[in-house]
Amino acid sequence: MNPKFNFSTRSEFPAFLNECGLTGTGAEIGVQEGIYSEHILKTWKGSTLFSIDAWQNFDAGEYIDIANRPDDQQILLYANTTLRLRPFGEHSIVWRMTSEQAAHAMPDNTLDFCFIDADHRYEAVKQDIELWLPKVKSGGIICGHDYVKDGNLYNKADGSLIGLFGVQGAVKEFAAHDGWNVHVTESDEWPSWFAFKP
């Protein structure tokens, strides 16, 4: 029997991992500036966190998201991330590659958790879950960010398009098929979702 999720914000997730004894290897997919990876590494007592991001620009017609920045900005984000995570030494491994490339490089049943925060479109989230679920051990946690209403999301201040989101649809589909009990951090402005892998 898995422990009950007892946290209301994603900032509390690393401490929950410690409580559950999930202190081996983890991964964050979609790192951008490395801020959440840094937070995990400061609190989590795990041995290794893989911080994975392509840090490259994708065709804006295919990938509509404010995180899809020009390549010159991506180079700076990558450099800043490596500097941010350097103090954690061997506990932090940064992979500059796509989610798919990284999944193929990661052995199955390796991860205690995988936090997905990459391309938020339905098809991309579905693919990421399909790619990364086998990498998570039974009893580990598959999870991700931006569990918001599906569709186009706009900035409340200026009306600009933030991105096209399909996270809820993809997660609900897997939850229904695999019998997941999904926990959502409703207290976060940008909620995250969490489920134990059976």
C-alpha atoms as a PDB file:
ATOM      1  CA  MET A   1       0.000   0.000   0.000  1.00  0.00           C
ATOM      2  CA  ASN A   2       1.421   3.359  -1.046  1.00  0.00           C
ATOM      3  CA  PRO A   3       1.551   6.236   1.435  1.00  0.00           C
ATOM      4  CA  LYS A   4      -1.080   8.960   1.125  1.00  0.00           C
ATOM      5  CA  PHE A   5      -0.055  12.138  -0.657  1.00  0.00           C
ATOM      6  CA  ASN A   6      -0.001  14.712   2.146  1.00  0.00           C
ATOM      7  CA  PHE A   7       1.239  17.889   0.498  1.00  0.00           C
ATOM      8  CA  SER A   8      -0.536  20.793  -1.200  1.00  0.00           C
ATOM      9  CA  THR A   9       2.285  22.461  -3.179  1.00  0.00           C
ATOM     10  CA  ARG A  10       4.988  21.022  -5.402  1.00  0.00           C
ATOM     11  CA  SER A  11       7.641  22.683  -3.221  1.00  0.00           C
ATOM     12  CA  GLU A  12       6.793  20.043  -0.578  1.00  0.00           C
ATOM     13  CA  PHE A  13       7.352  17.119  -2.971  1.00  0.00           C
ATOM     14  CA  PRO A  14      11.080  16.544  -2.206  1.00  0.00           C
ATOM     15  CA  ALA A  15      10.341  16.191   1.527  1.00  0.00           C
ATOM     16  CA  PHE A  16       7.548  13.724   0.691  1.00  0.00           C
ATOM     17  CA  LEU A  17      10.039  11.665  -1.324  1.00  0.00           C
ATOM     18  CA  ASN A  18      12.276  11.531   1.747  1.00  0.00           C
ATOM     19  CA  GLU A  19       9.357  10.407   3.937  1.00  0.00           C
ATOM     20  CA  CYS A  20       8.573   7.622   1.462  1.00  0.00           C
ATOM     21  CA  GLY A  21      12.181   6.445   1.278  1.00  0.00           C
ATOM     22  CA  LEU A  22      12.299   7.262  -2.446  1.00  0.00           C
ATOM     23  CA  THR A  23      15.894   8.464  -2.236  1.00  0.00           C
ATOM     24  CA  GLY A  24      17.639   6.762  -5.127  1.00  0.00           C
ATOM     25  CA  THR A  25      17.489   8.292  -8.606  1.00  0.00           C
ATOM     26  CA  GLY A  26      15.057  10.848 -10.022  1.00  0.00           C
ATOM     27  CA  ALA A  27      14.567  12.864 -13.194  1.00  0.00           C
ATOM     28  CA  GLU A  28      13.076  16.192 -14.190  1.00  0.00           C
ATOM     29  CA  ILE A  29      12.104  16.430 -17.855  1.00  0.00           C
ATOM     30  CA  GLY A  30      11.937  20.045 -19.029  1.00  0.00           C
ATOM     31  CA  VAL A  31      14.241  22.041 -16.798  1.00  0.00           C
ATOM     32  CA  GLN A  32      14.543  25.456 -18.495  1.00  0.00           C
ATOM     33  CA  GLU A  33      16.522  27.431 -15.863  1.00  0.00           C
ATOM     34  CA  GLY A  34      17.037  24.605 -13.365  1.00  0.00           C
ATOM     35  CA  ILE A  35      15.116  26.346 -10.575  1.00  0.00           C
ATOM     36  CA  TYR A  36      12.966  23.338  -9.633  1.00  0.00           C
ATOM     37  CA  SER A  37      15.918  20.943 -10.026  1.00  0.00           C
ATOM     38  CA  GLU A  38      17.834  23.140  -7.589  1.00  0.00           C
ATOM     39  CA  HIS A  39      14.906  23.075  -5.147  1.00  0.00           C
ATOM     40  CA  ILE A  40      14.704  19.284  -5.339  1.00  0.00           C
ATOM     41  CA  LEU A  41      18.448  18.890  -4.775  1.00  0.00           C
ATOM     42  CA  LYS A  42      18.418  21.213  -1.743  1.00  0.00           C
ATOM     43  CA  THR A  43      15.743  19.181   0.077  1.00  0.00           C
ATOM     44  CA  TRP A  44      15.693  15.655  -1.354  1.00  0.00           C
ATOM     45  CA  LYS A  45      18.074  13.117   0.186  1.00  0.00           C
ATOM     46  CA  GLY A  46      18.376  11.149  -3.054  1.00  0.00           C
ATOM     47  CA  SER A  47      21.586  10.034  -4.681  1.00  0.00           C
ATOM     48  CA  THR A  48      21.167  11.373  -8.233  1.00  0.00           C
ATOM     49  CA  LEU A  49      18.865  13.791 -10.055  1.00  0.00           C
ATOM     50  CA  PHE A  50      18.917  13.848 -13.863  1.00  0.00           C
ATOM     51  CA  SER A  51      17.934  17.314 -15.159  1.00  0.00           C
ATOM     52  CA  ILE A  52      16.944  16.869 -18.800  1.00  0.00           C
ATOM     53  CA  ASP A  53      16.143  19.509 -21.405  1.00  0.00           C
ATOM     54  CA  ALA A  54      16.884  19.951 -25.119  1.00  0.00           C
ATOM     55  CA  TRP A  55      17.638  23.664 -24.656  1.00  0.00           C
ATOM     56  CA  GLN A  56      16.839  24.293 -28.297  1.00  0.00           C
ATOM     57  CA  ASN A  57      14.229  26.188 -30.280  1.00  0.00           C
ATOM     58  CA  PHE A  58      11.500  24.139 -31.939  1.00  0.00           C
ATOM     59  CA  ASP A  59       9.236  25.075 -34.865  1.00  0.00           C
ATOM     60  CA  ALA A  60       6.791  27.608 -33.399  1.00  0.00           C
ATOM     61  CA  GLY A  61       4.040  26.203 -35.611  1.00  0.00           C
ATOM     62  CA  GLU A  62       4.391  22.870 -33.834  1.00  0.00           C
ATOM     63  CA  TYR A  63       5.400  23.923 -30.312  1.00  0.00           C
ATOM     64  CA  ILE A  64       3.503  26.956 -29.027  1.00  0.00           C
ATOM     65  CA  ASP A  65       4.819  27.813 -25.560  1.00  0.00           C
ATOM     66  CA  ILE A  66       6.564  30.795 -23.965  1.00  0.00           C
ATOM     67  CA  ALA A  67       9.373  28.387 -23.006  1.00  0.00           C
ATOM     68  CA  ASN A  68      10.117  27.841 -26.722  1.00  0.00           C
ATOM     69  CA  ARG A  69      12.724  30.582 -26.931  1.00  0.00           C
ATOM     70  CA  PRO A  70      15.290  31.377 -29.655  1.00  0.00           C
ATOM     71  CA  ASP A  71      18.472  29.278 -29.685  1.00  0.00           C
ATOM     72  CA  ASP A  72      20.697  32.101 -28.392  1.00  0.00           C
ATOM     73  CA  GLN A  73      18.497  32.335 -25.269  1.00  0.00           C
ATOM     74  CA  GLN A  74      18.453  28.542 -24.930  1.00  0.00           C
ATOM     75  CA  ILE A  75      22.271  28.498 -24.831  1.00  0.00           C
ATOM     76  CA  LEU A  76      22.204  30.989 -21.955  1.00  0.00           C
ATOM     77  CA  LEU A  77      19.524  28.999 -20.107  1.00  0.00           C
ATOM     78  CA  TYR A  78      21.631  25.850 -20.443  1.00  0.00           C
ATOM     79  CA  ALA A  79      24.775  27.617 -19.209  1.00  0.00           C
ATOM     80  CA  ASN A  80      22.915  29.154 -16.260  1.00  0.00           C
ATOM     81  CA  THR A  81      21.383  25.786 -15.361  1.00  0.00           C
ATOM     82  CA  THR A  82      24.748  24.021 -15.299  1.00  0.00           C
ATOM     83  CA  LEU A  83      26.148  26.800 -13.081  1.00  0.00           C
ATOM     84  CA  ARG A  84      23.101  26.674 -10.788  1.00  0.00           C
ATOM     85  CA  LEU A  85      23.375  22.899 -10.337  1.00  0.00           C
ATOM     86  CA  ARG A  86      27.172  22.614 -10.196  1.00  0.00           C
ATOM     87  CA  PRO A  87      27.341  22.976  -6.368  1.00  0.00           C
ATOM     88  CA  PHE A  88      25.485  19.650  -6.040  1.00  0.00           C
ATOM     89  CA  GLY A  89      28.381  17.769  -7.628  1.00  0.00           C
ATOM     90  CA  GLU A  90      27.800  14.093  -8.366  1.00  0.00           C
ATOM     91  CA  HIS A  91      24.198  14.315  -7.116  1.00  0.00           C
ATOM     92  CA  SER A  92      23.291  16.358 -10.221  1.00  0.00           C
ATOM     93  CA  ILE A  93      23.589  15.138 -13.816  1.00  0.00           C
ATOM     94  CA  VAL A  94      22.501  17.486 -16.612  1.00  0.00           C
ATOM     95  CA  TRP A  95      21.574  15.949 -19.962  1.00  0.00           C
ATOM     96  CA  ARG A  96      21.121  18.267 -22.932  1.00  0.00           C
ATOM     97  CA  MET A  97      18.883  16.163 -25.149  1.00  0.00           C
ATOM     98  CA  THR A  98      15.247  15.698 -26.051  1.00  0.00           C
ATOM     99  CA  SER A  99      12.912  13.773 -23.789  1.00  0.00           C
ATOM    100  CA  GLU A 100      12.828  10.925 -26.297  1.00  0.00           C
ATOM    101  CA  GLN A 101      16.630  10.730 -26.594  1.00  0.00           C
ATOM    102  CA  ALA A 102      17.012  10.735 -22.814  1.00  0.00           C
ATOM    103  CA  ALA A 103      14.327   8.076 -22.313  1.00  0.00           C
ATOM    104  CA  HIS A 104      16.158   5.766 -24.714  1.00  0.00           C
ATOM    105  CA  ALA A 105      19.376   6.327 -22.732  1.00  0.00           C
ATOM    106  CA  MET A 106      17.763   5.637 -19.339  1.00  0.00           C
ATOM    107  CA  PRO A 107      17.362   1.975 -18.283  1.00  0.00           C
ATOM    108  CA  ASP A 108      13.893   0.739 -17.331  1.00  0.00           C
ATOM    109  CA  ASN A 109      12.938   0.541 -13.634  1.00  0.00           C
ATOM    110  CA  THR A 110      15.687   3.001 -12.642  1.00  0.00           C
ATOM    111  CA  LEU A 111      13.850   6.028 -11.277  1.00  0.00           C
ATOM    112  CA  ASP A 112      12.167   6.632  -7.937  1.00  0.00           C
ATOM    113  CA  PHE A 113      10.350   9.543  -9.573  1.00  0.00           C
ATOM    114  CA  CYS A 114      10.039  11.334 -12.887  1.00  0.00           C
ATOM    115  CA  PHE A 115       8.721  14.925 -12.981  1.00  0.00           C
ATOM    116  CA  ILE A 116       7.529  15.909 -16.486  1.00  0.00           C
ATOM    117  CA  ASP A 117       7.481  19.617 -17.346  1.00  0.00           C
ATOM    118  CA  ALA A 118       8.355  19.761 -21.044  1.00  0.00           C
ATOM    119  CA  ASP A 119       6.046  20.242 -24.048  1.00  0.00           C
ATOM    120  CA  HIS A 120       2.539  20.713 -22.590  1.00  0.00           C
ATOM    121  CA  ARG A 121       0.494  19.713 -25.642  1.00  0.00           C
ATOM    122  CA  TYR A 122      -1.674  16.613 -25.219  1.00  0.00           C
ATOM    123  CA  GLU A 123       0.260  14.513 -27.757  1.00  0.00           C
ATOM    124  CA  ALA A 124       3.607  15.485 -26.223  1.00  0.00           C
ATOM    125  CA  VAL A 125       2.529  14.823 -22.620  1.00  0.00           C
ATOM    126  CA  LYS A 126       1.060  11.475 -23.647  1.00  0.00           C
ATOM    127  CA  GLN A 127       4.319  10.565 -25.390  1.00  0.00           C
ATOM    128  CA  ASP A 128       6.411  11.666 -22.405  1.00  0.00           C
ATOM    129  CA  ILE A 129       4.333   9.544 -20.021  1.00  0.00           C
ATOM    130  CA  GLU A 130       4.611   6.568 -22.399  1.00  0.00           C
ATOM    131  CA  LEU A 131       8.388   7.055 -22.651  1.00  0.00           C
ATOM    132  CA  TRP A 132       9.107   7.644 -18.978  1.00  0.00           C
ATOM    133  CA  LEU A 133       6.630   5.400 -17.148  1.00  0.00           C
ATOM    134  CA  PRO A 134       8.744   2.271 -17.857  1.00  0.00           C
ATOM    135  CA  LYS A 135      11.764   4.079 -16.401  1.00  0.00           C
ATOM    136  CA  VAL A 136      10.023   4.494 -13.016  1.00  0.00           C
ATOM    137  CA  LYS A 137      10.205   1.614 -10.536  1.00  0.00           C
ATOM    138  CA  SER A 138       7.030   0.007  -9.241  1.00  0.00           C
ATOM    139  CA  GLY A 139       6.081   2.058  -6.176  1.00  0.00           C
ATOM    140  CA  GLY A 140       7.832   5.113  -7.606  1.00  0.00           C
ATOM    141  CA  ILE A 141       6.097   8.332  -8.618  1.00  0.00           C
ATOM    142  CA  ILE A 142       5.247   9.613 -12.098  1.00  0.00           C
ATOM    143  CA  CYS A 143       4.337  13.288 -11.961  1.00  0.00           C
ATOM    144  CA  GLY A 144       4.444  16.618 -13.736  1.00  0.00           C
ATOM    145  CA  HIS A 145       3.699  20.318 -13.788  1.00  0.00           C
ATOM    146  CA  ASP A 146       1.030  22.617 -15.241  1.00  0.00           C
ATOM    147  CA  TYR A 147      -2.086  20.543 -14.594  1.00  0.00           C
ATOM    148  CA  VAL A 148      -4.307  23.316 -15.929  1.00  0.00           C
ATOM    149  CA  LYS A 149      -7.461  23.329 -18.059  1.00  0.00           C
ATOM    150  CA  ASP A 150      -6.743  21.989 -21.544  1.00  0.00           C
ATOM    151  CA  GLY A 151      -6.652  24.427 -24.460  1.00  0.00           C
ATOM    152  CA  ASN A 152      -4.958  27.716 -25.235  1.00  0.00           C
ATOM    153  CA  LEU A 153      -3.773  29.563 -22.144  1.00  0.00           C
ATOM    154  CA  TYR A 154      -3.390  33.345 -22.188  1.00  0.00           C
ATOM    155  CA  ASN A 155      -1.533  35.796 -19.965  1.00  0.00           C
ATOM    156  CA  LYS A 156      -4.087  37.587 -17.761  1.00  0.00           C
ATOM    157  CA  ALA A 157      -2.068  40.821 -17.769  1.00  0.00           C
ATOM    158  CA  ASP A 158      -1.528  41.394 -21.484  1.00  0.00           C
ATOM    159  CA  GLY A 159      -3.587  38.720 -23.261  1.00  0.00           C
ATOM    160  CA  SER A 160      -0.559  37.134 -24.936  1.00  0.00           C
ATOM    161  CA  LEU A 161      -0.611  33.402 -25.662  1.00  0.00           C
ATOM    162  CA  ILE A 162       1.309  31.404 -23.036  1.00  0.00           C
ATOM    163  CA  GLY A 163       0.881  28.073 -24.771  1.00  0.00           C
ATOM    164  CA  LEU A 164      -1.316  25.197 -25.850  1.00  0.00           C
ATOM    165  CA  PHE A 165      -1.994  22.819 -22.954  1.00  0.00           C
ATOM    166  CA  GLY A 166      -3.248  19.242 -22.895  1.00  0.00           C
ATOM    167  CA  VAL A 167      -1.731  17.966 -19.648  1.00  0.00           C
ATOM    168  CA  GLN A 168      -5.043  17.159 -17.932  1.00  0.00           C
ATOM    169  CA  GLY A 169      -6.374  15.173 -20.866  1.00  0.00           C
ATOM    170  CA  ALA A 170      -3.246  13.036 -21.156  1.00  0.00           C
ATOM    171  CA  VAL A 171      -2.954  12.400 -17.409  1.00  0.00           C
ATOM    172  CA  LYS A 172      -6.662  11.571 -16.999  1.00  0.00           C
ATOM    173  CA  GLU A 173      -6.409   9.112 -19.885  1.00  0.00           C
ATOM    174  CA  PHE A 174      -3.522   7.246 -18.252  1.00  0.00           C
ATOM    175  CA  ALA A 175      -5.197   7.406 -14.834  1.00  0.00           C
ATOM    176  CA  ALA A 176      -8.381   5.820 -16.190  1.00  0.00           C
ATOM    177  CA  HIS A 177      -6.491   3.133 -18.114  1.00  0.00           C
ATOM    178  CA  ASP A 178      -3.947   2.230 -15.421  1.00  0.00           C
ATOM    179  CA  GLY A 179      -6.052   2.889 -12.310  1.00  0.00           C
ATOM    180  CA  TRP A 180      -3.917   5.725 -10.977  1.00  0.00           C
ATOM    181  CA  ASN A 181      -5.013   7.771  -7.992  1.00  0.00           C
ATOM    182  CA  VAL A 182      -3.885  11.239  -9.126  1.00  0.00           C
ATOM    183  CA  HIS A 183      -3.011  13.869  -6.519  1.00  0.00           C
ATOM    184  CA  VAL A 184      -3.099  17.518  -7.659  1.00  0.00           C
ATOM    185  CA  THR A 185      -1.469  20.413  -5.794  1.00  0.00           C
ATOM    186  CA  GLU A 186      -4.468  22.725  -5.952  1.00  0.00           C
ATOM    187  CA  SER A 187      -2.739  25.305  -3.720  1.00  0.00           C
ATOM    188  CA  ASP A 188      -0.215  26.077  -6.473  1.00  0.00           C
ATOM    189  CA  GLU A 189      -1.045  28.760  -9.038  1.00  0.00           C
ATOM    190  CA  TRP A 190       0.288  26.275 -11.607  1.00  0.00           C
ATOM    191  CA  PRO A 191      -0.789  22.912 -10.130  1.00  0.00           C
ATOM    192  CA  SER A 192       1.260  19.738 -10.416  1.00  0.00           C
ATOM    193  CA  TRP A 193       0.030  16.138 -10.611  1.00  0.00           C
ATOM    194  CA  PHE A 194       1.407  13.041  -8.884  1.00  0.00           C
ATOM    195  CA  ALA A 195       0.653   9.310  -9.071  1.00  0.00           C
ATOM    196  CA  PHE A 196       2.306   6.187  -7.714  1.00  0.00           C
ATOM    197  CA  LYS A 197       3.258   3.632 -10.350  1.00  0.00           C
ATOM    198  CA  PRO A 198       1.561   0.317  -9.469  1.00  0.00           C
END
